[in-house]
Every structure is written in C-alpha cells, then in structure tokens.
C-alpha cells in the first residue's frame, strides 16, 4: 500500500499533518491565554482588595484615626492646618483608589459584580457632604472617568433626595465650582 505513494502524496500528507498540528497548537495557545487572562484578572483584583484594606486598616485599628475621620467628615472647617493636610492626603488616596477601580472596570480587569459593589461604596461615601465638597474642590486632580462617575452618582443622590421630598444635601463649604 505504501509503495504506491508518490513523493507528491507524501508531501501532501506532511502538509496535512502539519496543518493539524498548527490547529492543535492554536487551540492549546487559546486555552493558555484564557487561563493567563483569568490569572491576571485575579491578581489585579487581589491588588485592588489589598489597596482597599490598606485604606481601611488604620480606621479600624487606630481609634485616633477613626476619631479624626469622624471630625473631618462632620465638620472639616474645624480641622487644624495639619489635620487639613491629613484629610486632603486621605481623600486623595481614597479617590485615587476609586479612580483605579474605574479604570480597572473599564479595561475589563474588574468584573461587573465587583464594580457595582465598589460603586455602592463610593455612593455611600458621597452621601456625606464633606466628601462631596472635598471632591468638588479637587475635581481637577482626577481622571475624567472618575469625575464622570462621581457626577453620575451625585445626580442619582440628588434625584433620590428630591423624590423623597428632601432637599439635595448641603455642602459643608461652598465649592468654587458653584
């Protein structure tokens, strides 16, 4: 049977076997890429979670930090100059963190379910007039994507307040943007 094969037939058979090998290699490569993508997303999510925990760690482990944040969120105008710097630093770190989360969601590293959880957290923070005021005073320090996200949440909060018959939250200090 094999003695009837011509050199051309053997060449065609070799091409066929090579093509099958390429197909299997591409399938294997696709699977590896999918696994790598999952691994990269998991690592990115882990990094985001670690950052969240770092921001919260001092709040729950140090009563002085908790008291400071309570004072800062209830009446930031009474902070000392040193405390104002501390408040600005804290808020910058928090909003940079949320800016990173917006970016990670936009590029697909953060899935919708987790993004919605972080979005709800941001919304809860923005219910506090001190948070809203601070962000409005520092809006130029952050990405357009984060600014758009915050503006969307603030509109939602204002609509919720109006539909409940409540006035929109008063800002602690008047923002220069108003």
C-alpha atoms as a PDB file:
ATOM      1  CA  UNK A   1       0.000   0.000   0.000  1.00  0.00           C
ATOM      2  CA  UNK A   2       2.767   2.455   0.916  1.00  0.00           C
ATOM      3  CA  UNK A   3       4.715   1.561  -2.188  1.00  0.00           C
ATOM      4  CA  UNK A   4       2.020   3.273  -4.262  1.00  0.00           C
ATOM      5  CA  UNK A   5       2.619   6.672  -2.612  1.00  0.00           C
ATOM      6  CA  UNK A   6       4.455   9.161  -4.715  1.00  0.00           C
ATOM      7  CA  UNK A   7       6.706  11.793  -3.359  1.00  0.00           C
ATOM      8  CA  UNK A   8       3.896  14.284  -4.059  1.00  0.00           C
ATOM      9  CA  UNK A   9       1.475  12.199  -1.943  1.00  0.00           C
ATOM     10  CA  UNK A  10       3.931  12.103   0.933  1.00  0.00           C
ATOM     11  CA  UNK A  11       4.386  15.860   0.659  1.00  0.00           C
ATOM     12  CA  UNK A  12       0.607  16.372   0.789  1.00  0.00           C
ATOM     13  CA  UNK A  13       0.344  14.058   3.786  1.00  0.00           C
ATOM     14  CA  UNK A  14       3.104  16.020   5.538  1.00  0.00           C
ATOM     15  CA  UNK A  15       1.302  19.290   4.876  1.00  0.00           C
ATOM     16  CA  UNK A  16      -1.926  17.810   6.274  1.00  0.00           C
ATOM     17  CA  UNK A  17      -0.208  16.550   9.431  1.00  0.00           C
ATOM     18  CA  UNK A  18       1.499  19.934   9.811  1.00  0.00           C
ATOM     19  CA  UNK A  19      -1.829  21.763   9.436  1.00  0.00           C
ATOM     20  CA  UNK A  20      -3.441  19.527  12.068  1.00  0.00           C
ATOM     21  CA  UNK A  21      -0.505  20.267  14.376  1.00  0.00           C
ATOM     22  CA  UNK A  22      -0.944  24.012  13.841  1.00  0.00           C
ATOM     23  CA  UNK A  23      -4.664  23.758  14.667  1.00  0.00           C
ATOM     24  CA  UNK A  24      -3.935  21.854  17.879  1.00  0.00           C
ATOM     25  CA  UNK A  25      -1.218  24.365  18.769  1.00  0.00           C
ATOM     26  CA  UNK A  26      -3.637  27.265  18.273  1.00  0.00           C
ATOM     27  CA  UNK A  27      -6.268  25.571  20.437  1.00  0.00           C
ATOM     28  CA  UNK A  28      -3.668  24.971  23.148  1.00  0.00           C
ATOM     29  CA  UNK A  29      -2.463  28.584  22.881  1.00  0.00           C
ATOM     30  CA  UNK A  30      -6.041  29.913  23.163  1.00  0.00           C
ATOM     31  CA  UNK A  31      -6.600  27.856  26.319  1.00  0.00           C
ATOM     32  CA  UNK A  32      -3.322  29.098  27.800  1.00  0.00           C
ATOM     33  CA  UNK A  33      -4.227  32.704  27.017  1.00  0.00           C
ATOM     34  CA  UNK A  34      -7.625  32.281  28.648  1.00  0.00           C
ATOM     35  CA  UNK A  35      -6.003  30.822  31.760  1.00  0.00           C
ATOM     36  CA  UNK A  36      -3.439  33.633  31.788  1.00  0.00           C
ATOM     37  CA  UNK A  37      -6.193  36.252  31.461  1.00  0.00           C
ATOM     38  CA  UNK A  38      -8.002  34.712  34.422  1.00  0.00           C
ATOM     39  CA  UNK A  39      -4.791  34.712  36.439  1.00  0.00           C
ATOM     40  CA  UNK A  40      -4.048  38.349  35.566  1.00  0.00           C
ATOM     41  CA  UNK A  41      -7.594  39.410  36.492  1.00  0.00           C
ATOM     42  CA  UNK A  42      -7.368  37.544  39.783  1.00  0.00           C
ATOM     43  CA  UNK A  43      -4.034  39.225  40.575  1.00  0.00           C
ATOM     44  CA  UNK A  44      -5.447  42.644  39.673  1.00  0.00           C
ATOM     45  CA  UNK A  45      -8.494  42.055  41.869  1.00  0.00           C
ATOM     46  CA  UNK A  46      -6.271  40.904  44.722  1.00  0.00           C
ATOM     47  CA  UNK A  47      -4.222  44.075  44.380  1.00  0.00           C
ATOM     48  CA  UNK A  48      -7.383  46.225  44.418  1.00  0.00           C
ATOM     49  CA  UNK A  49      -8.628  44.427  47.526  1.00  0.00           C
ATOM     50  CA  UNK A  50      -5.274  44.882  49.278  1.00  0.00           C
ATOM     51  CA  UNK A  51      -5.396  48.593  48.471  1.00  0.00           C
ATOM     52  CA  UNK A  52      -8.919  48.840  49.919  1.00  0.00           C
ATOM     53  CA  UNK A  53      -7.802  47.070  53.070  1.00  0.00           C
ATOM     54  CA  UNK A  54      -4.741  49.318  53.439  1.00  0.00           C
ATOM     55  CA  UNK A  55      -7.014  52.363  53.299  1.00  0.00           C
ATOM     56  CA  UNK A  56      -9.326  50.901  55.928  1.00  0.00           C
ATOM     57  CA  UNK A  57      -6.784  49.268  58.201  1.00  0.00           C
ATOM     58  CA  UNK A  58      -5.885  52.348  60.236  1.00  0.00           C
ATOM     59  CA  UNK A  59      -9.531  53.329  60.523  1.00  0.00           C
ATOM     60  CA  UNK A  60     -10.488  50.134  62.315  1.00  0.00           C
ATOM     61  CA  UNK A  61      -7.223  49.551  64.153  1.00  0.00           C
ATOM     62  CA  UNK A  62      -6.469  53.046  65.456  1.00  0.00           C
ATOM     63  CA  UNK A  63      -9.176  54.885  67.435  1.00  0.00           C
ATOM     64  CA  UNK A  64      -7.382  58.213  66.899  1.00  0.00           C
ATOM     65  CA  UNK A  65      -7.678  57.823  63.120  1.00  0.00           C
ATOM     66  CA  UNK A  66     -11.343  56.911  63.454  1.00  0.00           C
ATOM     67  CA  UNK A  67     -11.996  59.987  65.599  1.00  0.00           C
ATOM     68  CA  UNK A  68     -10.073  62.192  63.175  1.00  0.00           C
ATOM     69  CA  UNK A  69     -12.104  60.928  60.212  1.00  0.00           C
ATOM     70  CA  UNK A  70     -15.322  61.453  62.132  1.00  0.00           C
ATOM     71  CA  UNK A  71     -14.326  65.072  62.833  1.00  0.00           C
ATOM     72  CA  UNK A  72     -13.208  65.569  59.252  1.00  0.00           C
ATOM     73  CA  UNK A  73     -16.433  64.241  57.752  1.00  0.00           C
ATOM     74  CA  UNK A  74     -18.744  66.088  60.150  1.00  0.00           C
ATOM     75  CA  UNK A  75     -17.002  69.462  60.219  1.00  0.00           C
ATOM     76  CA  UNK A  76     -13.873  69.801  58.091  1.00  0.00           C
ATOM     77  CA  UNK A  77     -13.773  73.576  58.605  1.00  0.00           C
ATOM     78  CA  UNK A  78     -12.762  73.000  62.255  1.00  0.00           C
ATOM     79  CA  UNK A  79      -9.679  70.943  61.371  1.00  0.00           C
ATOM     80  CA  UNK A  80      -6.276  72.341  62.240  1.00  0.00           C
ATOM     81  CA  UNK A  81      -3.974  73.135  59.311  1.00  0.00           C
ATOM     82  CA  UNK A  82      -2.082  69.881  59.942  1.00  0.00           C
ATOM     83  CA  UNK A  83      -5.340  67.930  60.096  1.00  0.00           C
ATOM     84  CA  UNK A  84      -6.488  69.569  56.850  1.00  0.00           C
ATOM     85  CA  UNK A  85      -3.350  68.278  55.140  1.00  0.00           C
ATOM     86  CA  UNK A  86      -4.013  64.868  56.613  1.00  0.00           C
ATOM     87  CA  UNK A  87      -7.646  64.982  55.386  1.00  0.00           C
ATOM     88  CA  UNK A  88      -6.541  66.042  51.904  1.00  0.00           C
ATOM     89  CA  UNK A  89      -3.990  63.242  51.799  1.00  0.00           C
ATOM     90  CA  UNK A  90      -6.509  60.661  52.936  1.00  0.00           C
ATOM     91  CA  UNK A  91      -9.163  61.813  50.485  1.00  0.00           C
ATOM     92  CA  UNK A  92      -6.664  61.949  47.622  1.00  0.00           C
ATOM     93  CA  UNK A  93      -5.649  58.358  48.362  1.00  0.00           C
ATOM     94  CA  UNK A  94      -9.276  57.216  48.553  1.00  0.00           C
ATOM     95  CA  UNK A  95     -10.301  58.913  45.313  1.00  0.00           C
ATOM     96  CA  UNK A  96      -7.143  57.685  43.539  1.00  0.00           C
ATOM     97  CA  UNK A  97      -8.201  54.215  44.648  1.00  0.00           C
ATOM     98  CA  UNK A  98     -11.674  54.727  43.192  1.00  0.00           C
ATOM     99  CA  UNK A  99     -10.099  56.155  40.038  1.00  0.00           C
ATOM    100  CA  UNK A 100      -8.065  52.967  39.724  1.00  0.00           C
ATOM    101  CA  UNK A 101     -11.229  50.904  40.181  1.00  0.00           C
ATOM    102  CA  UNK A 102     -12.993  52.861  37.425  1.00  0.00           C
ATOM    103  CA  UNK A 103     -10.021  52.200  35.140  1.00  0.00           C
ATOM    104  CA  UNK A 104      -9.809  48.510  36.056  1.00  0.00           C
ATOM    105  CA  UNK A 105     -13.514  48.097  35.297  1.00  0.00           C
ATOM    106  CA  UNK A 106     -13.185  49.970  32.011  1.00  0.00           C
ATOM    107  CA  UNK A 107     -10.324  47.741  30.795  1.00  0.00           C
ATOM    108  CA  UNK A 108     -12.059  44.556  31.931  1.00  0.00           C
ATOM    109  CA  UNK A 109      -9.884  43.653  34.926  1.00  0.00           C
ATOM    110  CA  UNK A 110     -12.770  44.148  37.354  1.00  0.00           C
ATOM    111  CA  UNK A 111     -15.992  42.285  36.695  1.00  0.00           C
ATOM    112  CA  UNK A 112     -19.390  43.960  36.783  1.00  0.00           C
ATOM    113  CA  UNK A 113     -20.483  42.444  40.098  1.00  0.00           C
ATOM    114  CA  UNK A 114     -17.389  43.690  41.941  1.00  0.00           C
ATOM    115  CA  UNK A 115     -17.540  47.078  40.212  1.00  0.00           C
ATOM    116  CA  UNK A 116     -21.141  47.524  41.335  1.00  0.00           C
ATOM    117  CA  UNK A 117     -20.128  46.738  44.927  1.00  0.00           C
ATOM    118  CA  UNK A 118     -17.348  49.353  44.820  1.00  0.00           C
ATOM    119  CA  UNK A 119     -19.734  51.784  43.138  1.00  0.00           C
ATOM    120  CA  UNK A 120     -22.222  51.364  46.011  1.00  0.00           C
ATOM    121  CA  UNK A 121     -19.407  52.064  48.486  1.00  0.00           C
ATOM    122  CA  UNK A 122     -18.456  55.238  46.630  1.00  0.00           C
ATOM    123  CA  UNK A 123     -22.105  56.279  46.577  1.00  0.00           C
ATOM    124  CA  UNK A 124     -22.368  55.825  50.346  1.00  0.00           C
ATOM    125  CA  UNK A 125     -19.289  57.992  50.856  1.00  0.00           C
ATOM    126  CA  UNK A 126     -20.709  60.666  48.567  1.00  0.00           C
ATOM    127  CA  UNK A 127     -23.862  60.869  50.693  1.00  0.00           C
ATOM    128  CA  UNK A 128     -21.633  62.700  53.170  1.00  0.00           C
ATOM    129  CA  UNK A 129     -21.497  66.422  52.320  1.00  0.00           C
ATOM    130  CA  UNK A 130     -17.834  66.642  53.354  1.00  0.00           C
ATOM    131  CA  UNK A 131     -16.905  64.002  50.783  1.00  0.00           C
ATOM    132  CA  UNK A 132     -18.879  65.703  48.021  1.00  0.00           C
ATOM    133  CA  UNK A 133     -17.469  69.109  48.870  1.00  0.00           C
ATOM    134  CA  UNK A 134     -13.908  67.817  49.018  1.00  0.00           C
ATOM    135  CA  UNK A 135     -14.214  66.123  45.644  1.00  0.00           C
ATOM    136  CA  UNK A 136     -15.769  69.188  44.018  1.00  0.00           C
ATOM    137  CA  UNK A 137     -12.907  71.319  45.351  1.00  0.00           C
ATOM    138  CA  UNK A 138     -10.339  68.877  43.946  1.00  0.00           C
ATOM    139  CA  UNK A 139     -12.121  67.710  40.800  1.00  0.00           C
ATOM    140  CA  UNK A 140      -9.228  68.750  38.550  1.00  0.00           C
ATOM    141  CA  UNK A 141      -6.888  66.345  40.333  1.00  0.00           C
ATOM    142  CA  UNK A 142      -8.635  63.251  38.988  1.00  0.00           C
ATOM    143  CA  UNK A 143      -9.293  61.451  35.731  1.00  0.00           C
ATOM    144  CA  UNK A 144     -12.211  62.370  33.537  1.00  0.00           C
ATOM    145  CA  UNK A 145     -13.566  58.844  34.003  1.00  0.00           C
ATOM    146  CA  UNK A 146     -13.677  59.205  37.786  1.00  0.00           C
ATOM    147  CA  UNK A 147     -15.168  62.700  37.555  1.00  0.00           C
ATOM    148  CA  UNK A 148     -17.918  61.394  35.266  1.00  0.00           C
ATOM    149  CA  UNK A 149     -18.605  58.511  37.654  1.00  0.00           C
ATOM    150  CA  UNK A 150     -18.820  60.820  40.667  1.00  0.00           C
ATOM    151  CA  UNK A 151     -21.075  63.239  38.769  1.00  0.00           C
ATOM    152  CA  UNK A 152     -23.381  60.349  37.847  1.00  0.00           C
ATOM    153  CA  UNK A 153     -23.584  59.213  41.478  1.00  0.00           C
ATOM    154  CA  UNK A 154     -24.165  62.769  42.736  1.00  0.00           C
ATOM    155  CA  UNK A 155     -27.041  63.195  40.249  1.00  0.00           C
ATOM    156  CA  UNK A 156     -28.520  59.895  41.469  1.00  0.00           C
ATOM    157  CA  UNK A 157     -28.236  61.039  45.088  1.00  0.00           C
ATOM    158  CA  UNK A 158     -29.844  64.383  44.301  1.00  0.00           C
ATOM    159  CA  UNK A 159     -32.697  62.665  42.432  1.00  0.00           C
ATOM    160  CA  UNK A 160     -33.205  60.241  45.346  1.00  0.00           C
ATOM    161  CA  UNK A 161     -33.355  63.159  47.785  1.00  0.00           C
ATOM    162  CA  UNK A 162     -35.815  65.097  45.627  1.00  0.00           C
ATOM    163  CA  UNK A 163     -38.062  62.080  45.076  1.00  0.00           C
ATOM    164  CA  UNK A 164     -38.115  61.522  48.853  1.00  0.00           C
ATOM    165  CA  UNK A 165     -39.124  65.154  49.326  1.00  0.00           C
ATOM    166  CA  UNK A 166     -35.782  66.066  50.857  1.00  0.00           C
ATOM    167  CA  UNK A 167     -33.559  68.909  49.719  1.00  0.00           C
ATOM    168  CA  UNK A 168     -30.332  67.989  47.988  1.00  0.00           C
ATOM    169  CA  UNK A 169     -27.520  67.681  50.555  1.00  0.00           C
ATOM    170  CA  UNK A 170     -25.967  70.979  51.528  1.00  0.00           C
ATOM    171  CA  UNK A 171     -22.258  71.197  51.021  1.00  0.00           C
ATOM    172  CA  UNK A 172     -20.115  71.736  54.104  1.00  0.00           C
ATOM    173  CA  UNK A 173     -18.176  74.515  52.353  1.00  0.00           C
ATOM    174  CA  UNK A 174     -19.244  76.219  49.181  1.00  0.00           C
ATOM    175  CA  UNK A 175     -17.366  74.756  46.271  1.00  0.00           C
ATOM    176  CA  UNK A 176     -15.532  77.156  43.953  1.00  0.00           C
ATOM    177  CA  UNK A 177     -17.213  75.276  41.078  1.00  0.00           C
ATOM    178  CA  UNK A 178     -20.666  76.547  42.034  1.00  0.00           C
END
